[in-house]
Amino acid sequence: MNTLRSLTVFNFSVPFICYKKRIDSFGIYPVASCKLLTNSSSAPNVVLKALGENFQSQYKAIAHYDNNDNVDVTGLASWVVEPDMYASIDANGLLVTGDIETFQNVTVSAQYTQGDITVQADKVITIFALCPPGTALDFDGVNDYIDCGNFAQLDGEKAFTIAFWIKADELPFPAHDGIVARGSRYQRTPWIWGCSGEAYISMQFETDTGGALDGNISTPNLTQGKWHHIVMTWNGSTVTAYMDSIATATDSTISDTLANTDASLKIGHIIPYGYLNGSIDDVRIYDRALSAEEIQANTYIPLQGDEPNLVGYWDFNEGEGQVAHDLSDNGNHGYLGRDPCDIDDSDPTWVASDAPVGLCSPYLIAKRGIKIALKCKIALLEKLQAALAQEAVSLDALDELLESGDYGDLKKNDVVKAKQKVHSAIQDEERLRKPLEKSVGKLQDSLSALGCEPVQE
C-alpha cells in the first residue's frame, strides 16, 4: 500500500530563490525558482526564508509517499498564514505580503489529508521592510545616455562584476540597445546590451582589439514593463549571467586581461549601436567576480559605497540635475547627455523608482539615515562658509565706500547701518556654525559606533 509519510519542515533563505533539496516527506516551496534550479548546475545549496513587503510569491505543496512517489497537492492542501495581519495566502498557495514598518515573522502552513492520514508543513518567513523608494533614470530609446568618463578601474583587470536593475519599455529590443558598456565592441572591454530582435540581454568582449568574440553569454527573456535584476561576472576564465538572482548561463573565456583604454563608460548606449528604451536603476561594478551567494545576499539591499572591491556605484537617487554621482571612492560621476551642464534632448529623465532595491533592517535604515543627514549638514556648513566669505567681501566694500565719502543718493548713516547689519548677520551665522559643526561630529561618532566609516567632509 502506498502510504503518505510523515512531515518535514524546511526553511529557505534569499528572496525569490529556492534551490530544492531532497525532501523525505511533505514540503512547500516557491514554484518558479525551484523549476529554474533543475536547469542550473551552478546553484548553491540555499533555501528561502525572507521576502520583501508588498510582494507576491507562489508556493507549492508536495506530498511524499513511502514508495518515494512525489505528488503536487498544492490545490488540494489547506493554506494558512499566521499572523494574517502582515500577509495573506490563497487556496492555491499564493502568498501576498502587506505594508510593514519593520521586519515581521509569519508562519506559512499547508495541510493535506488523504484518507485517515493528515500531514502538515510549517515554515517561518521573515518579511522585511523596504527602504524608502528612490529614483531611477528613464531612457527614451532615441539618444539618451549617461557618460561616466574613462572608467580606468577596469584597466588590465582579470575579473569583474557588473550589476543593475532594468525595466525594458520595448521588447523585443529594436536594435542592439546599449545598457552598460565601456568603449565599443571592438575592444577587450565589457559591453552589455539588449539583443536586437530579441527579449534577452547579452554581454560580450573581444579576444583583443578587433578580435573574435569572447565571453558571449545571454540572459533568459525579460518581461516588458517589469524590473529585472541582471548581473554579469567574469573570474578570468568563465563568464556567468544571472537574472533575478539565478545563474542562467556560463561561457569559458581566454585567460587574458581587459584592455587598457581611455574609452568612456556609458549607461543607456553602446557605440556604435542603439539606445535603451526603458529604465535603469542601481548600477554596481566590482573589480572581482562576486559569488552566487554574495549576489543573492545583496540583490535587494542598497550599498553604502565603501564595500570591498566596489569600484563604481550609481544608485540614481539624486532625482534631479545633470549628475548621477558615483558613490564609490572613485568618483566616476555620470553626466546626463551631451552637455554635462545644461539640459538637452539626450538627457535621460529622472523618474520615481519602484525597483525593489532595499530590503532594510532597522540597522540599515538607521545607518543610511545618519549618512544622509551628515551629507546634508556638511553641505550646509559649506554653504554657510561660502556665505560668510561673501559677507566678508561686502564688509570690505562698505569700508571702502565709507572711506571714499561718495555715497551717491545714500546718506552716510545708511552705509553705516548696512555695515552693522552685515556684521550682525556674520555673528549670528558664527553662532550657528559651532553647534552645527558639533552635531556633525556627534553623527560621525554614531557611525563609528555602528561600525561604519565616517562621511568625508
Protein backbone atom coordinates (compact mmCIF):
# COMPACT_ATOMS: atom_id res chain seq x y z
CA MET A 1 0.00 0.00 0.00
CA ASN A 2 1.30 3.45 -0.95
CA THR A 3 1.10 5.36 2.37
CA LEU A 4 1.50 9.08 2.90
CA ARG A 5 4.60 9.68 5.04
CA SER A 6 5.34 11.97 7.98
CA LEU A 7 6.04 15.68 7.71
CA THR A 8 9.23 17.63 7.39
CA VAL A 9 9.63 21.41 7.57
CA PHE A 10 12.48 23.17 5.80
CA ASN A 11 13.48 26.82 5.54
CA PHE A 12 14.56 28.98 2.60
CA SER A 13 16.99 31.90 2.58
CA VAL A 14 17.28 34.52 -0.20
CA PRO A 15 14.17 36.34 -1.58
CA PHE A 16 12.63 34.90 -4.73
CA ILE A 17 15.13 31.99 -4.80
CA CYS A 18 14.69 28.36 -3.93
CA TYR A 19 17.14 25.55 -4.54
CA LYS A 20 15.30 22.32 -3.88
CA LYS A 21 16.88 19.74 -1.59
CA ARG A 22 15.87 16.12 -1.24
CA ILE A 23 12.60 16.08 0.70
CA ASP A 24 11.60 12.93 2.51
CA SER A 25 8.02 13.80 3.36
CA PHE A 26 5.91 16.89 2.75
CA GLY A 27 7.15 20.37 1.92
CA ILE A 28 6.26 23.75 0.44
CA TYR A 29 8.47 25.93 -1.73
CA PRO A 30 8.30 28.71 -4.37
CA VAL A 31 7.37 27.37 -7.78
CA ALA A 32 9.34 29.21 -10.46
CA SER A 33 12.66 29.29 -8.63
CA CYS A 34 12.73 25.56 -7.96
CA LYS A 35 11.82 24.90 -11.58
CA LEU A 36 14.77 27.05 -12.68
CA LEU A 37 17.09 25.15 -10.36
CA THR A 38 16.77 21.92 -12.27
CA ASN A 39 18.46 23.60 -15.26
CA SER A 40 21.24 25.27 -13.26
CA SER A 41 24.28 23.26 -12.29
CA SER A 42 25.89 26.21 -10.52
CA ALA A 43 23.12 26.86 -8.00
CA PRO A 44 24.26 26.94 -4.38
CA ASN A 45 22.53 24.82 -1.75
CA VAL A 46 20.43 27.54 -0.09
CA VAL A 47 16.75 27.91 0.81
CA LEU A 48 14.30 30.86 1.10
CA LYS A 49 13.11 32.39 4.37
CA ALA A 50 12.88 36.14 3.63
CA LEU A 51 10.54 38.25 1.49
CA GLY A 52 10.00 41.96 0.98
CA GLU A 53 6.83 43.81 1.88
CA ASN A 54 4.14 44.20 -0.83
CA PHE A 55 5.43 41.14 -2.67
CA GLN A 56 3.76 38.05 -4.12
CA SER A 57 5.28 34.58 -4.04
CA GLN A 58 3.72 31.36 -5.30
CA TYR A 59 4.20 28.26 -3.14
CA LYS A 60 3.69 24.59 -3.86
CA ALA A 61 2.78 21.70 -1.59
CA ILE A 62 4.35 18.32 -2.38
CA ALA A 63 3.21 15.12 -0.71
CA HIS A 64 5.77 12.32 -0.40
CA TYR A 65 4.88 8.63 -0.10
CA ASP A 66 6.69 5.62 1.30
CA ASN A 67 7.32 4.28 -2.21
CA ASN A 68 9.18 7.55 -2.98
CA ASP A 69 6.37 8.99 -5.12
CA ASN A 70 6.09 12.80 -5.01
CA VAL A 71 2.70 14.35 -5.79
CA ASP A 72 1.83 18.01 -6.27
CA VAL A 73 -1.11 18.67 -3.92
CA THR A 74 -0.95 22.47 -3.96
CA GLY A 75 -4.59 22.90 -4.98
CA LEU A 76 -5.77 20.19 -2.54
CA ALA A 77 -3.98 21.47 0.55
CA SER A 78 -5.39 23.93 3.07
CA TRP A 79 -3.22 27.04 3.35
CA VAL A 80 -2.90 29.35 6.36
CA VAL A 81 -0.53 32.20 7.27
CA GLU A 82 -0.29 33.50 10.83
CA PRO A 83 -0.47 36.22 11.94
CA ASP A 84 -2.60 37.25 8.99
CA MET A 85 -2.20 40.99 9.62
CA TYR A 86 1.13 41.01 7.74
CA ALA A 87 0.38 38.62 4.88
CA SER A 88 -2.35 36.55 3.25
CA ILE A 89 -2.32 33.31 1.29
CA ASP A 90 -4.99 31.97 -1.04
CA ALA A 91 -6.24 28.43 -1.67
CA ASN A 92 -3.63 27.91 -4.38
CA GLY A 93 -0.61 28.88 -2.24
CA LEU A 94 -0.14 32.47 -3.46
CA LEU A 95 1.38 34.46 -0.60
CA VAL A 96 0.93 38.25 -0.60
CA THR A 97 2.83 40.36 1.92
CA GLY A 98 1.49 43.69 3.16
CA ASP A 99 2.89 47.02 4.40
CA ILE A 100 5.11 46.79 7.48
CA GLU A 101 7.20 49.26 9.49
CA THR A 102 9.98 46.83 10.43
CA PHE A 103 10.68 43.14 9.90
CA GLN A 104 7.99 40.67 10.96
CA ASN A 105 7.92 36.87 11.16
CA VAL A 106 4.97 34.90 9.80
CA THR A 107 4.32 31.17 9.63
CA VAL A 108 3.02 29.62 6.42
CA SER A 109 1.24 26.29 6.91
CA ALA A 110 -0.09 23.78 4.40
CA GLN A 111 -2.21 20.82 5.50
CA TYR A 112 -3.17 17.87 3.33
CA THR A 113 -5.45 14.93 4.18
CA GLN A 114 -5.72 11.59 2.38
CA GLY A 115 -7.99 9.01 3.93
CA ASP A 116 -7.32 8.96 7.65
CA ILE A 117 -3.82 10.46 7.33
CA THR A 118 -3.27 14.20 7.67
CA VAL A 119 0.13 15.81 7.17
CA GLN A 120 1.17 19.41 7.68
CA ALA A 121 4.22 21.52 6.83
CA ASP A 122 5.05 24.81 8.54
CA LYS A 123 7.74 27.33 7.84
CA VAL A 124 8.64 30.67 9.30
CA ILE A 125 9.22 33.52 6.84
CA THR A 126 10.67 36.92 7.70
CA ILE A 127 9.05 39.87 5.93
CA PHE A 128 11.41 42.82 5.57
CA ALA A 129 10.51 46.47 5.29
CA LEU A 130 11.71 48.10 2.08
CA CYS A 131 13.93 51.14 2.21
CA PRO A 132 12.19 54.36 1.18
CA PRO A 133 11.84 54.40 -2.62
CA GLY A 134 14.29 56.50 -4.59
CA THR A 135 14.54 57.49 -8.23
CA ALA A 136 15.75 55.87 -11.43
CA LEU A 137 16.66 57.16 -14.89
CA ASP A 138 14.38 56.55 -17.87
CA PHE A 139 15.96 56.40 -21.35
CA ASP A 140 13.91 57.28 -24.46
CA GLY A 141 15.48 54.79 -26.91
CA VAL A 142 16.41 57.64 -29.28
CA ASN A 143 19.54 59.36 -27.98
CA ASP A 144 19.53 59.32 -24.15
CA TYR A 145 22.65 58.19 -22.29
CA ILE A 146 24.95 58.80 -19.30
CA ASP A 147 28.69 59.31 -19.73
CA CYS A 148 30.76 58.16 -16.72
CA GLY A 149 34.10 59.14 -18.26
CA ASN A 150 37.19 56.97 -18.54
CA PHE A 151 36.49 54.16 -16.10
CA ALA A 152 40.13 53.21 -15.55
CA GLN A 153 39.36 50.92 -12.60
CA LEU A 154 38.85 48.00 -15.02
CA ASP A 155 42.08 48.61 -16.98
CA GLY A 156 44.17 45.45 -17.05
CA GLU A 157 41.79 43.56 -14.74
CA LYS A 158 41.17 39.82 -14.94
CA ALA A 159 37.81 39.82 -13.19
CA PHE A 160 34.70 41.96 -12.76
CA THR A 161 31.05 42.03 -11.75
CA ILE A 162 28.51 44.37 -13.35
CA ALA A 163 25.04 44.50 -11.80
CA PHE A 164 21.97 46.65 -12.45
CA TRP A 165 18.18 46.77 -12.36
CA ILE A 166 16.43 47.26 -15.70
CA LYS A 167 12.82 47.71 -16.84
CA ALA A 168 12.51 47.45 -20.63
CA ASP A 169 9.70 49.51 -22.17
CA GLU A 170 10.03 47.90 -25.60
CA LEU A 171 10.52 44.20 -26.32
CA PRO A 172 11.88 42.70 -28.45
CA PHE A 173 14.75 45.20 -28.37
CA PRO A 174 14.52 47.16 -31.64
CA ALA A 175 18.30 47.45 -32.03
CA HIS A 176 21.37 46.45 -30.09
CA ASP A 177 20.25 48.66 -27.20
CA GLY A 178 23.17 49.69 -25.02
CA ILE A 179 22.77 49.17 -21.28
CA VAL A 180 26.22 49.33 -19.65
CA ALA A 181 29.28 49.42 -21.90
CA ARG A 182 32.84 50.69 -21.90
CA GLY A 183 34.06 51.65 -25.34
CA SER A 184 32.80 49.77 -28.37
CA ARG A 185 32.58 46.11 -29.29
CA TYR A 186 35.97 46.27 -30.99
CA GLN A 187 37.91 46.48 -27.73
CA ARG A 188 38.55 43.99 -24.94
CA THR A 189 36.14 45.77 -22.63
CA PRO A 190 32.77 44.56 -21.31
CA TRP A 191 29.69 45.73 -23.14
CA ILE A 192 26.14 44.72 -22.21
CA TRP A 193 23.17 45.24 -24.48
CA GLY A 194 19.62 44.21 -25.27
CA CYS A 195 19.98 41.97 -28.31
CA SER A 196 18.32 43.26 -31.48
CA GLY A 197 15.07 41.46 -32.31
CA GLU A 198 15.21 39.50 -29.04
CA ALA A 199 13.95 39.95 -25.47
CA TYR A 200 17.16 38.96 -23.71
CA ILE A 201 20.32 40.78 -22.62
CA SER A 202 23.79 39.77 -23.83
CA MET A 203 27.34 40.52 -22.75
CA GLN A 204 30.43 40.17 -24.94
CA PHE A 205 34.00 41.34 -25.19
CA GLU A 206 36.65 40.72 -27.83
CA THR A 207 39.69 38.48 -27.51
CA ASP A 208 41.72 41.61 -28.31
CA THR A 209 41.22 44.82 -30.26
CA GLY A 210 39.22 43.86 -33.35
CA GLY A 211 39.50 40.19 -32.48
CA ALA A 212 36.99 37.36 -32.26
CA LEU A 213 34.10 37.39 -29.80
CA ASP A 214 34.85 36.17 -26.28
CA GLY A 215 32.73 35.80 -23.18
CA ASN A 216 29.45 35.71 -25.09
CA ILE A 217 26.51 35.00 -22.75
CA SER A 218 22.83 35.91 -22.55
CA THR A 219 20.03 36.01 -20.00
CA PRO A 220 16.58 34.46 -20.39
CA ASN A 221 13.90 36.67 -21.95
CA LEU A 222 12.86 39.74 -19.96
CA THR A 223 9.22 40.68 -19.32
CA GLN A 224 8.30 44.07 -20.76
CA GLY A 225 7.48 46.67 -18.11
CA LYS A 226 8.87 44.55 -15.25
CA TRP A 227 12.01 45.19 -13.23
CA HIS A 228 14.70 42.53 -13.57
CA HIS A 229 18.00 42.30 -11.75
CA ILE A 230 20.86 41.46 -14.13
CA VAL A 231 24.40 40.51 -13.07
CA MET A 232 27.34 39.62 -15.32
CA THR A 233 30.52 38.22 -13.73
CA TRP A 234 33.94 37.20 -15.08
CA ASN A 235 36.56 35.44 -12.96
CA GLY A 236 39.29 35.43 -15.61
CA SER A 237 38.23 32.18 -17.23
CA THR A 238 34.42 31.97 -17.02
CA VAL A 239 31.63 34.48 -17.55
CA THR A 240 28.31 33.92 -15.78
CA ALA A 241 24.97 35.62 -16.35
CA TYR A 242 22.41 35.98 -13.56
CA MET A 243 18.82 37.14 -13.86
CA ASP A 244 16.79 37.80 -10.72
CA SER A 245 19.49 36.13 -8.60
CA ILE A 246 19.54 32.90 -10.62
CA ALA A 247 22.63 31.82 -12.58
CA THR A 248 21.26 31.27 -16.10
CA ALA A 249 24.29 30.86 -18.40
CA THR A 250 28.07 30.43 -18.37
CA ASP A 251 30.80 30.51 -21.01
CA SER A 252 34.53 29.89 -21.00
CA THR A 253 36.88 32.70 -22.00
CA ILE A 254 40.50 33.04 -22.89
CA SER A 255 42.77 33.84 -19.96
CA ASP A 256 43.62 37.45 -20.72
CA THR A 257 43.28 40.84 -19.06
CA LEU A 258 40.90 43.60 -20.04
CA ALA A 259 42.21 46.37 -22.27
CA ASN A 260 43.96 49.49 -21.02
CA THR A 261 41.98 52.18 -22.80
CA ASP A 262 40.74 55.74 -22.50
CA ALA A 263 37.27 54.64 -23.64
CA SER A 264 34.43 56.03 -21.56
CA LEU A 265 31.82 54.03 -19.68
CA LYS A 266 28.31 54.72 -20.93
CA ILE A 267 24.95 53.75 -19.48
CA GLY A 268 21.98 53.52 -21.86
CA HIS A 269 24.03 53.43 -25.08
CA ILE A 270 26.70 51.34 -26.79
CA ILE A 271 28.93 52.62 -29.58
CA PRO A 272 28.17 52.29 -32.49
CA TYR A 273 24.76 50.73 -31.88
CA GLY A 274 21.49 51.68 -30.21
CA TYR A 275 19.97 53.38 -27.20
CA LEU A 276 17.87 51.76 -24.48
CA ASN A 277 14.14 52.34 -24.31
CA GLY A 278 13.49 51.73 -20.63
CA SER A 279 14.62 52.49 -17.08
CA ILE A 280 17.83 51.62 -15.23
CA ASP A 281 18.49 51.76 -11.51
CA ASP A 282 21.28 50.90 -9.06
CA VAL A 283 24.31 50.15 -11.26
CA ARG A 284 27.23 48.46 -9.48
CA ILE A 285 30.69 47.48 -10.74
CA TYR A 286 33.27 45.41 -8.83
CA ASP A 287 36.82 44.51 -9.85
CA ARG A 288 36.29 40.86 -8.95
CA ALA A 289 33.69 38.19 -9.66
CA LEU A 290 31.13 38.02 -6.86
CA SER A 291 29.97 34.58 -5.80
CA ALA A 292 26.38 33.45 -6.26
CA GLU A 293 25.85 33.74 -2.51
CA GLU A 294 27.13 37.34 -2.48
CA ILE A 295 24.90 38.29 -5.41
CA GLN A 296 21.83 36.80 -3.73
CA ALA A 297 22.62 38.42 -0.39
CA ASN A 298 22.94 41.94 -1.87
CA THR A 299 20.36 41.96 -4.66
CA TYR A 300 17.73 43.85 -2.69
CA ILE A 301 19.98 45.74 -0.27
CA PRO A 302 21.33 49.24 -1.03
CA LEU A 303 25.09 49.62 -0.67
CA GLN A 304 26.96 52.22 1.36
CA GLY A 305 29.71 52.77 -1.25
CA ASP A 306 32.67 51.50 0.76
CA GLU A 307 32.18 47.76 0.20
CA PRO A 308 35.31 45.72 -0.70
CA ASN A 309 36.22 45.72 -4.41
CA LEU A 310 33.35 48.10 -5.28
CA VAL A 311 34.80 50.39 -7.96
CA GLY A 312 31.62 52.04 -9.26
CA TYR A 313 28.17 52.58 -7.73
CA TRP A 314 25.37 54.76 -9.10
CA ASP A 315 22.09 54.49 -7.16
CA PHE A 316 20.39 57.26 -9.23
CA ASN A 317 18.68 58.70 -6.15
CA GLU A 318 19.59 62.32 -6.93
CA GLY A 319 16.17 62.80 -8.54
CA GLU A 320 17.26 65.91 -10.42
CA GLY A 321 20.20 67.63 -12.03
CA GLN A 322 22.81 66.71 -14.62
CA VAL A 323 24.94 64.38 -12.48
CA ALA A 324 24.47 60.77 -11.34
CA HIS A 325 27.06 60.52 -8.59
CA ASP A 326 29.42 57.57 -8.25
CA LEU A 327 29.03 56.66 -4.58
CA SER A 328 32.17 54.52 -4.53
CA ASP A 329 35.50 56.04 -3.57
CA ASN A 330 36.49 56.53 -7.23
CA GLY A 331 34.29 59.48 -8.18
CA ASN A 332 33.40 58.37 -11.72
CA HIS A 333 30.32 60.57 -11.76
CA GLY A 334 27.92 60.12 -14.65
CA TYR A 335 26.85 63.16 -16.66
CA LEU A 336 23.50 63.13 -18.39
CA GLY A 337 23.52 63.53 -22.16
CA ARG A 338 25.84 65.54 -24.40
CA ASP A 339 26.07 68.63 -22.22
CA PRO A 340 27.15 67.98 -18.61
CA CYS A 341 25.96 71.42 -17.51
CA ASP A 342 22.68 72.07 -19.32
CA ILE A 343 19.55 70.09 -20.10
CA ASP A 344 19.28 68.82 -23.68
CA ASP A 345 17.31 66.21 -25.60
CA SER A 346 19.89 63.47 -24.90
CA ASP A 347 19.31 63.57 -21.14
CA PRO A 348 17.51 60.57 -19.61
CA THR A 349 14.60 61.56 -17.35
CA TRP A 350 14.53 61.27 -13.57
CA VAL A 351 11.55 59.13 -12.52
CA ALA A 352 10.25 57.65 -9.27
CA SER A 353 11.63 54.12 -8.97
CA ASP A 354 9.67 51.08 -7.90
CA ALA A 355 12.65 48.75 -8.37
CA PRO A 356 12.86 46.54 -5.25
CA VAL A 357 16.25 47.88 -4.20
CA GLY A 358 16.30 47.70 -0.48
CA LEU A 359 15.25 45.04 1.94
CA CYS A 360 16.05 47.13 5.01
CA SER A 361 16.53 46.10 8.60
CA PRO A 362 16.23 48.81 11.27
CA TYR A 363 20.05 48.83 11.37
CA LEU A 364 20.34 49.60 7.65
CA ILE A 365 17.61 52.24 7.79
CA ALA A 366 19.35 53.93 10.73
CA LYS A 367 22.80 53.82 9.12
CA ARG A 368 21.53 55.15 5.81
CA GLY A 369 19.55 57.93 7.53
CA ILE A 370 22.58 59.06 9.55
CA LYS A 371 24.72 59.22 6.41
CA ILE A 372 22.10 61.25 4.54
CA ALA A 373 21.75 63.64 7.49
CA LEU A 374 25.53 64.01 7.68
CA LYS A 375 25.85 64.85 4.00
CA CYS A 376 23.08 67.45 4.33
CA LYS A 377 24.77 69.10 7.35
CA ILE A 378 28.18 69.07 5.71
CA ALA A 379 26.62 70.71 2.65
CA LEU A 380 25.01 73.33 4.94
CA LEU A 381 28.38 74.07 6.53
CA GLU A 382 29.93 74.51 3.10
CA LYS A 383 27.13 76.89 2.06
CA LEU A 384 27.45 78.76 5.35
CA GLN A 385 31.18 79.18 4.83
CA ALA A 386 30.57 80.45 1.31
CA ALA A 387 28.01 82.96 2.67
CA LEU A 388 30.47 84.15 5.32
CA ALA A 389 33.11 84.68 2.66
CA GLN A 390 30.73 86.79 0.58
CA GLU A 391 29.72 88.81 3.63
CA ALA A 392 33.40 89.50 4.37
CA VAL A 393 33.76 90.82 0.84
CA SER A 394 30.70 93.02 1.39
CA LEU A 395 32.13 94.44 4.63
CA ASP A 396 35.38 95.35 2.86
CA ALA A 397 33.43 97.06 0.10
CA LEU A 398 31.34 99.03 2.62
CA ASP A 399 34.52 100.15 4.40
CA GLU A 400 35.89 101.43 1.09
CA LEU A 401 32.61 103.23 0.45
CA LEU A 402 32.79 104.95 3.84
CA GLU A 403 36.39 105.95 3.27
CA SER A 404 35.58 107.40 -0.16
CA GLY A 405 32.72 109.55 1.12
CA ASP A 406 30.98 109.09 -2.25
CA TYR A 407 27.60 107.74 -1.13
CA GLY A 408 25.63 108.72 -4.21
CA ASP A 409 21.94 109.02 -3.25
CA LEU A 410 22.64 107.38 0.10
CA LYS A 411 23.47 109.00 3.38
CA LYS A 412 26.48 108.03 5.48
CA ASN A 413 24.15 106.66 8.16
CA ASP A 414 22.60 104.31 5.54
CA VAL A 415 26.01 102.84 4.75
CA VAL A 416 26.92 102.54 8.45
CA LYS A 417 23.60 100.81 9.16
CA ALA A 418 24.15 98.36 6.27
CA LYS A 419 27.61 97.55 7.61
CA GLN A 420 26.23 96.96 11.11
CA LYS A 421 23.53 94.62 9.80
CA VAL A 422 26.02 92.57 7.76
CA HIS A 423 28.31 92.34 10.79
CA SER A 424 25.37 91.25 12.95
CA ALA A 425 24.46 88.60 10.35
CA ILE A 426 28.02 87.27 10.45
CA GLN A 427 27.84 86.99 14.24
CA ASP A 428 24.54 85.09 14.01
CA GLU A 429 25.99 82.70 11.44
CA GLU A 430 29.13 82.13 13.50
CA ARG A 431 26.89 81.21 16.42
CA LEU A 432 25.00 78.78 14.15
CA ARG A 433 28.17 77.22 12.76
CA LYS A 434 29.56 75.99 16.07
CA PRO A 435 26.58 73.79 17.11
CA LEU A 436 26.26 72.57 13.51
CA GLU A 437 29.91 71.50 13.49
CA LYS A 438 29.36 69.86 16.88
CA SER A 439 26.33 67.93 15.60
CA VAL A 440 28.34 66.72 12.59
CA GLY A 441 30.95 65.35 14.97
CA LYS A 442 28.27 63.56 17.00
CA LEU A 443 26.79 61.95 13.88
CA GLN A 444 30.28 60.86 12.78
CA ASP A 445 30.71 59.26 16.21
CA SER A 446 27.36 57.49 15.84
CA LEU A 447 28.53 55.97 12.56
CA SER A 448 31.72 54.78 14.24
CA ALA A 449 29.61 53.18 16.97
CA LEU A 450 27.70 51.31 14.25
CA GLY A 451 30.95 50.07 12.72
CA CYS A 452 30.87 52.42 9.71
CA GLU A 453 33.48 54.63 8.10
CA PRO A 454 32.92 58.38 8.65
CA VAL A 455 31.47 60.51 5.87
CA GLN A 456 34.17 62.54 4.13
CA GLU A 457 33.94 66.26 4.89
